[in-house]
Amino acid sequence: MTQKPPFTKIFDGVATRKQMFELFNRIPDCPFEDRISGKAYENTWFEVDREGYDTMLEVLPPLFMRAGMFALSELKAGFVGSVFFEIDSIDGRRRWFTGYCNLGDRSSPDAMRAAIIAYEKVAMANLSRDAALDLIWERTHDDFRGLAGQFNPDAWPTEHHGKRSILVHEPGVGTVQKLLENLTDAEIADRLPHGPTI
C-alpha cells in the first residue's frame, strides 16, 4: 500500500495571482510516475490572496462547493485536484489557501483544512520580531504603507529614506507615519492577524 504524503506548505507568504499560477505550473523533481499519478502534488498547499481565490472560483464550474471551500472541476493528475479554502478560524481574520487533495478520498479536503489551521496557528505563536514586522508589512494595504522619504524627503532624516513605514494612530496626536522597525511590542501585537485588522 502506498503511504499518503504528509501535508507540506510549498510557499512562504501570500502568493499573488501571478505566483499562484507559477506554483500551479511547477514541475516537482520526482519520478514521472509520481507526477502522472498526482502523488507528487497531493497534500501540498500554500496561501493565496482574495483576488486569486475569487479568480479561481470564476474560472470553471466547481467540482463541489461546501461552506468555506470549493474544488476545481479540472484535476491535476489522477484523482488529485485543487481545493480552495476560505478560513477565518486561524487568527480572527479571513485568509485564503489552496492545496492539492486526493478527491478519491472524501475526507481529504477536511483533513487538509485541519492541517492548514494547525500549521498556521503554530507559525503565528512562534513568530520572531522580524517575521512579525514582515507579516504586518505584507498584510497592510498599500494605501497605509510606504517608504520613508519617498514622496516628501524633507519629512524624514536622510538615514531613514527608503525604510518601510506605515500609518499608525497615536493617542492625542492622530494618524502618523511611523517606521515599521520602530513599532512597539504593543503596536506589533495589535497589528498581527490575531489582533485588529490593519
C-alpha atoms as a PDB file:
ATOM      1  CA  MET A   1       0.000   0.000   0.000  1.00  0.00           C
ATOM      2  CA  THR A   2       1.346   3.452  -0.970  1.00  0.00           C
ATOM      3  CA  GLN A   3       1.828   5.739   2.004  1.00  0.00           C
ATOM      4  CA  LYS A   4      -0.044   9.054   1.856  1.00  0.00           C
ATOM      5  CA  PRO A   5       2.400  12.003   1.604  1.00  0.00           C
ATOM      6  CA  PRO A   6       2.486  14.422   4.570  1.00  0.00           C
ATOM      7  CA  PHE A   7       0.883  17.864   4.325  1.00  0.00           C
ATOM      8  CA  THR A   8       3.510  20.314   3.061  1.00  0.00           C
ATOM      9  CA  LYS A   9       3.431  24.097   2.701  1.00  0.00           C
ATOM     10  CA  ILE A  10       5.280  24.898  -0.540  1.00  0.00           C
ATOM     11  CA  PHE A  11       5.399  28.725  -0.477  1.00  0.00           C
ATOM     12  CA  ASP A  12       6.090  31.194   2.337  1.00  0.00           C
ATOM     13  CA  GLY A  13       3.893  34.269   2.456  1.00  0.00           C
ATOM     14  CA  VAL A  14       0.771  35.030   0.463  1.00  0.00           C
ATOM     15  CA  ALA A  15       1.055  34.145  -3.220  1.00  0.00           C
ATOM     16  CA  THR A  16      -0.052  36.828  -5.642  1.00  0.00           C
ATOM     17  CA  ARG A  17      -2.190  35.815  -8.613  1.00  0.00           C
ATOM     18  CA  LYS A  18       0.967  35.548 -10.777  1.00  0.00           C
ATOM     19  CA  GLN A  19       2.826  33.481  -8.158  1.00  0.00           C
ATOM     20  CA  MET A  20      -0.221  31.253  -7.740  1.00  0.00           C
ATOM     21  CA  PHE A  21      -0.183  30.314 -11.428  1.00  0.00           C
ATOM     22  CA  GLU A  22       3.596  29.768 -11.314  1.00  0.00           C
ATOM     23  CA  LEU A  23       3.076  27.347  -8.410  1.00  0.00           C
ATOM     24  CA  PHE A  24       0.311  25.570 -10.321  1.00  0.00           C
ATOM     25  CA  ASN A  25       2.715  25.083 -13.247  1.00  0.00           C
ATOM     26  CA  ARG A  26       5.719  23.913 -11.226  1.00  0.00           C
ATOM     27  CA  ILE A  27       7.149  20.514 -12.031  1.00  0.00           C
ATOM     28  CA  PRO A  28       8.357  18.696  -8.902  1.00  0.00           C
ATOM     29  CA  ASP A  29      11.733  16.954  -9.011  1.00  0.00           C
ATOM     30  CA  CYS A  30      10.439  13.405  -8.636  1.00  0.00           C
ATOM     31  CA  PRO A  31       9.772  10.266 -10.682  1.00  0.00           C
ATOM     32  CA  PHE A  32       7.462  10.714 -13.664  1.00  0.00           C
ATOM     33  CA  GLU A  33       5.080   8.110 -12.238  1.00  0.00           C
ATOM     34  CA  ASP A  34       4.517  10.272  -9.152  1.00  0.00           C
ATOM     35  CA  ARG A  35       3.635  13.255 -11.340  1.00  0.00           C
ATOM     36  CA  ILE A  36       1.120  11.438 -13.542  1.00  0.00           C
ATOM     37  CA  SER A  37      -0.499   9.701 -10.572  1.00  0.00           C
ATOM     38  CA  GLY A  38      -0.782  13.010  -8.697  1.00  0.00           C
ATOM     39  CA  LYS A  39       1.239  11.765  -5.703  1.00  0.00           C
ATOM     40  CA  ALA A  40       3.885  14.470  -6.328  1.00  0.00           C
ATOM     41  CA  TYR A  41       1.252  17.170  -5.742  1.00  0.00           C
ATOM     42  CA  GLU A  42      -1.031  15.552  -3.180  1.00  0.00           C
ATOM     43  CA  ASN A  43      -1.245  17.313   0.212  1.00  0.00           C
ATOM     44  CA  THR A  44       0.831  20.339  -0.868  1.00  0.00           C
ATOM     45  CA  TRP A  45      -0.656  23.749  -0.134  1.00  0.00           C
ATOM     46  CA  PHE A  46       0.016  27.489   0.053  1.00  0.00           C
ATOM     47  CA  GLU A  47      -1.731  30.739   0.934  1.00  0.00           C
ATOM     48  CA  VAL A  48      -3.307  32.913  -1.760  1.00  0.00           C
ATOM     49  CA  ASP A  49      -4.879  36.355  -1.706  1.00  0.00           C
ATOM     50  CA  ARG A  50      -8.581  37.121  -2.063  1.00  0.00           C
ATOM     51  CA  GLU A  51      -8.144  38.011  -5.742  1.00  0.00           C
ATOM     52  CA  GLY A  52      -6.596  34.618  -6.503  1.00  0.00           C
ATOM     53  CA  TYR A  53      -9.365  32.799  -4.652  1.00  0.00           C
ATOM     54  CA  ASP A  54     -12.117  34.745  -6.448  1.00  0.00           C
ATOM     55  CA  THR A  55     -10.414  34.295  -9.833  1.00  0.00           C
ATOM     56  CA  MET A  56     -10.309  30.524  -9.469  1.00  0.00           C
ATOM     57  CA  LEU A  57     -13.936  30.397  -8.313  1.00  0.00           C
ATOM     58  CA  GLU A  58     -14.940  32.079 -11.577  1.00  0.00           C
ATOM     59  CA  VAL A  59     -12.660  30.096 -13.954  1.00  0.00           C
ATOM     60  CA  LEU A  60     -14.572  26.817 -14.201  1.00  0.00           C
ATOM     61  CA  PRO A  61     -17.712  25.452 -12.581  1.00  0.00           C
ATOM     62  CA  PRO A  62     -16.563  23.917  -9.276  1.00  0.00           C
ATOM     63  CA  LEU A  63     -16.482  20.145  -8.873  1.00  0.00           C
ATOM     64  CA  PHE A  64     -18.038  20.747  -5.451  1.00  0.00           C
ATOM     65  CA  MET A  65     -18.743  23.642  -3.118  1.00  0.00           C
ATOM     66  CA  ARG A  66     -19.157  23.495   0.643  1.00  0.00           C
ATOM     67  CA  ALA A  67     -19.036  26.131   3.346  1.00  0.00           C
ATOM     68  CA  GLY A  68     -15.575  27.686   3.139  1.00  0.00           C
ATOM     69  CA  MET A  69     -14.229  25.515   0.303  1.00  0.00           C
ATOM     70  CA  PHE A  70     -14.590  24.544  -3.328  1.00  0.00           C
ATOM     71  CA  ALA A  71     -12.730  22.213  -5.712  1.00  0.00           C
ATOM     72  CA  LEU A  72     -11.799  22.926  -9.309  1.00  0.00           C
ATOM     73  CA  SER A  73     -13.523  20.606 -11.751  1.00  0.00           C
ATOM     74  CA  GLU A  74     -10.275  20.053 -13.669  1.00  0.00           C
ATOM     75  CA  LEU A  75      -7.988  17.548 -11.915  1.00  0.00           C
ATOM     76  CA  LYS A  76      -4.196  17.943 -11.813  1.00  0.00           C
ATOM     77  CA  ALA A  77      -3.370  14.242 -12.185  1.00  0.00           C
ATOM     78  CA  GLY A  78      -5.051  11.002 -11.199  1.00  0.00           C
ATOM     79  CA  PHE A  79      -7.701  11.849  -8.600  1.00  0.00           C
ATOM     80  CA  VAL A  80      -5.673  14.820  -7.293  1.00  0.00           C
ATOM     81  CA  GLY A  81      -7.183  18.262  -7.769  1.00  0.00           C
ATOM     82  CA  SER A  82      -7.088  21.808  -6.402  1.00  0.00           C
ATOM     83  CA  VAL A  83      -9.261  22.692  -3.446  1.00  0.00           C
ATOM     84  CA  PHE A  84      -9.560  26.313  -2.299  1.00  0.00           C
ATOM     85  CA  PHE A  85     -10.253  27.229   1.307  1.00  0.00           C
ATOM     86  CA  GLU A  86     -11.590  30.366   2.972  1.00  0.00           C
ATOM     87  CA  ILE A  87     -10.615  30.182   6.639  1.00  0.00           C
ATOM     88  CA  ASP A  88     -11.244  32.654   9.455  1.00  0.00           C
ATOM     89  CA  SER A  89     -10.582  30.423  12.468  1.00  0.00           C
ATOM     90  CA  ILE A  90      -6.776  30.765  12.493  1.00  0.00           C
ATOM     91  CA  ASP A  91      -6.282  34.273  13.758  1.00  0.00           C
ATOM     92  CA  GLY A  92      -9.651  36.003  13.678  1.00  0.00           C
ATOM     93  CA  ARG A  93      -9.388  37.319  10.127  1.00  0.00           C
ATOM     94  CA  ARG A  94     -10.298  35.801   6.801  1.00  0.00           C
ATOM     95  CA  ARG A  95      -7.486  34.107   4.852  1.00  0.00           C
ATOM     96  CA  TRP A  96      -7.428  32.028   1.669  1.00  0.00           C
ATOM     97  CA  PHE A  97      -5.464  28.891   0.815  1.00  0.00           C
ATOM     98  CA  THR A  98      -5.258  26.298  -1.913  1.00  0.00           C
ATOM     99  CA  GLY A  99      -3.969  22.765  -1.878  1.00  0.00           C
ATOM    100  CA  TYR A 100      -3.973  19.552  -3.843  1.00  0.00           C
ATOM    101  CA  CYS A 101      -6.225  16.894  -2.356  1.00  0.00           C
ATOM    102  CA  ASN A 102      -6.869  13.311  -3.399  1.00  0.00           C
ATOM    103  CA  LEU A 103     -10.513  13.735  -4.337  1.00  0.00           C
ATOM    104  CA  GLY A 104     -10.943   9.958  -4.428  1.00  0.00           C
ATOM    105  CA  ASP A 105     -10.852  10.232  -0.621  1.00  0.00           C
ATOM    106  CA  ARG A 106     -13.879  12.232   0.559  1.00  0.00           C
ATOM    107  CA  SER A 107     -12.144  13.144   3.835  1.00  0.00           C
ATOM    108  CA  SER A 108      -9.073  14.624   2.083  1.00  0.00           C
ATOM    109  CA  PRO A 109     -10.302  18.283   1.839  1.00  0.00           C
ATOM    110  CA  ASP A 110     -11.330  18.363   5.515  1.00  0.00           C
ATOM    111  CA  ALA A 111      -8.005  16.803   6.556  1.00  0.00           C
ATOM    112  CA  MET A 112      -6.107  19.431   4.570  1.00  0.00           C
ATOM    113  CA  ARG A 113      -8.170  22.252   6.062  1.00  0.00           C
ATOM    114  CA  ALA A 114      -7.381  20.964   9.573  1.00  0.00           C
ATOM    115  CA  ALA A 115      -3.663  20.635   8.703  1.00  0.00           C
ATOM    116  CA  ILE A 116      -3.518  24.215   7.381  1.00  0.00           C
ATOM    117  CA  ILE A 117      -5.183  25.600  10.512  1.00  0.00           C
ATOM    118  CA  ALA A 118      -2.869  23.628  12.817  1.00  0.00           C
ATOM    119  CA  TYR A 119       0.267  24.678  10.914  1.00  0.00           C
ATOM    120  CA  GLU A 120      -0.671  28.370  10.754  1.00  0.00           C
ATOM    121  CA  LYS A 121      -1.599  28.557  14.447  1.00  0.00           C
ATOM    122  CA  VAL A 122       1.823  27.157  15.427  1.00  0.00           C
ATOM    123  CA  ALA A 123       3.552  29.510  12.973  1.00  0.00           C
ATOM    124  CA  MET A 124       1.760  32.540  14.465  1.00  0.00           C
ATOM    125  CA  ALA A 125       2.721  31.520  18.001  1.00  0.00           C
ATOM    126  CA  ASN A 126       6.427  31.230  17.068  1.00  0.00           C
ATOM    127  CA  LEU A 127       6.951  34.475  15.123  1.00  0.00           C
ATOM    128  CA  SER A 128      10.188  36.385  15.713  1.00  0.00           C
ATOM    129  CA  ARG A 129      10.040  40.196  15.840  1.00  0.00           C
ATOM    130  CA  ASP A 130      11.444  40.460  12.294  1.00  0.00           C
ATOM    131  CA  ALA A 131       8.969  37.888  10.986  1.00  0.00           C
ATOM    132  CA  ALA A 132       6.115  39.721  12.737  1.00  0.00           C
ATOM    133  CA  LEU A 133       7.180  43.007  11.107  1.00  0.00           C
ATOM    134  CA  ASP A 134       7.354  41.316   7.699  1.00  0.00           C
ATOM    135  CA  LEU A 135       3.856  39.887   8.224  1.00  0.00           C
ATOM    136  CA  ILE A 136       2.487  43.282   9.265  1.00  0.00           C
ATOM    137  CA  TRP A 137       4.059  44.874   6.181  1.00  0.00           C
ATOM    138  CA  GLU A 138       2.691  42.188   3.885  1.00  0.00           C
ATOM    139  CA  ARG A 139      -0.832  42.465   5.265  1.00  0.00           C
ATOM    140  CA  THR A 140      -1.020  46.255   5.417  1.00  0.00           C
ATOM    141  CA  HIS A 141      -2.907  47.750   2.483  1.00  0.00           C
ATOM    142  CA  ASP A 142      -0.804  49.783   0.036  1.00  0.00           C
ATOM    143  CA  ASP A 143      -2.763  52.908   0.980  1.00  0.00           C
ATOM    144  CA  PHE A 144      -1.437  52.650   4.559  1.00  0.00           C
ATOM    145  CA  ARG A 145       2.219  51.821   3.937  1.00  0.00           C
ATOM    146  CA  GLY A 146       5.143  53.281   2.030  1.00  0.00           C
ATOM    147  CA  LEU A 147       8.844  54.071   2.095  1.00  0.00           C
ATOM    148  CA  ALA A 148      10.080  56.911   4.287  1.00  0.00           C
ATOM    149  CA  GLY A 149      11.020  59.961   2.236  1.00  0.00           C
ATOM    150  CA  GLN A 150       9.533  58.592  -0.955  1.00  0.00           C
ATOM    151  CA  PHE A 151       7.133  61.495  -1.530  1.00  0.00           C
ATOM    152  CA  ASN A 152       8.397  64.058   0.987  1.00  0.00           C
ATOM    153  CA  PRO A 153      12.151  63.659   1.541  1.00  0.00           C
ATOM    154  CA  ASP A 154      12.297  66.662   3.891  1.00  0.00           C
ATOM    155  CA  ALA A 155       9.930  64.966   6.377  1.00  0.00           C
ATOM    156  CA  TRP A 156      12.480  62.265   7.209  1.00  0.00           C
ATOM    157  CA  PRO A 157      16.160  62.281   8.187  1.00  0.00           C
ATOM    158  CA  THR A 158      18.305  61.049   5.267  1.00  0.00           C
ATOM    159  CA  GLU A 159      19.326  57.868   7.109  1.00  0.00           C
ATOM    160  CA  HIS A 160      15.663  56.774   7.164  1.00  0.00           C
ATOM    161  CA  HIS A 161      14.972  57.294   3.455  1.00  0.00           C
ATOM    162  CA  GLY A 162      13.785  54.087   1.825  1.00  0.00           C
ATOM    163  CA  LYS A 163      12.850  52.351   5.095  1.00  0.00           C
ATOM    164  CA  ARG A 164       9.398  50.772   5.415  1.00  0.00           C
ATOM    165  CA  SER A 165       6.796  52.897   7.194  1.00  0.00           C
ATOM    166  CA  ILE A 166       3.116  52.513   7.990  1.00  0.00           C
ATOM    167  CA  LEU A 167       0.334  54.739   9.247  1.00  0.00           C
ATOM    168  CA  VAL A 168      -0.476  54.333  12.937  1.00  0.00           C
ATOM    169  CA  HIS A 169      -2.844  56.083  15.317  1.00  0.00           C
ATOM    170  CA  GLU A 170      -1.142  57.727  18.286  1.00  0.00           C
ATOM    171  CA  PRO A 171      -3.449  58.843  21.116  1.00  0.00           C
ATOM    172  CA  GLY A 172      -3.576  62.611  21.441  1.00  0.00           C
ATOM    173  CA  VAL A 173      -1.801  63.084  18.096  1.00  0.00           C
ATOM    174  CA  GLY A 174      -3.839  61.242  15.477  1.00  0.00           C
ATOM    175  CA  THR A 175      -2.679  59.299  12.449  1.00  0.00           C
ATOM    176  CA  VAL A 176       1.059  59.499  11.822  1.00  0.00           C
ATOM    177  CA  GLN A 177       3.588  57.751   9.622  1.00  0.00           C
ATOM    178  CA  LYS A 178       5.980  55.581  11.638  1.00  0.00           C
ATOM    179  CA  LEU A 179       8.941  53.435  10.671  1.00  0.00           C
ATOM    180  CA  LEU A 180       7.971  49.773  10.748  1.00  0.00           C
ATOM    181  CA  GLU A 181      11.150  48.927  12.686  1.00  0.00           C
ATOM    182  CA  ASN A 182      10.140  51.388  15.436  1.00  0.00           C
ATOM    183  CA  LEU A 183       6.801  49.789  16.272  1.00  0.00           C
ATOM    184  CA  THR A 184       6.481  48.928  19.941  1.00  0.00           C
ATOM    185  CA  ASP A 185       5.681  45.391  21.089  1.00  0.00           C
ATOM    186  CA  ALA A 186       2.115  46.504  21.834  1.00  0.00           C
ATOM    187  CA  GLU A 187       1.736  48.037  18.354  1.00  0.00           C
ATOM    188  CA  ILE A 188       3.028  44.825  16.805  1.00  0.00           C
ATOM    189  CA  ALA A 189       0.616  42.709  18.840  1.00  0.00           C
ATOM    190  CA  ASP A 190      -2.302  44.931  17.773  1.00  0.00           C
ATOM    191  CA  ARG A 191      -1.376  44.600  14.104  1.00  0.00           C
ATOM    192  CA  LEU A 192      -0.752  40.878  13.879  1.00  0.00           C
ATOM    193  CA  PRO A 193      -3.602  38.933  12.258  1.00  0.00           C
ATOM    194  CA  HIS A 194      -4.975  37.811  15.635  1.00  0.00           C
ATOM    195  CA  GLY A 195      -5.405  41.477  16.600  1.00  0.00           C
ATOM    196  CA  PRO A 196      -7.429  44.220  14.907  1.00  0.00           C
ATOM    197  CA  THR A 197      -7.339  44.308  11.121  1.00  0.00           C
ATOM    198  CA  ILE A 198      -4.809  46.816   9.791  1.00  0.00           C
END
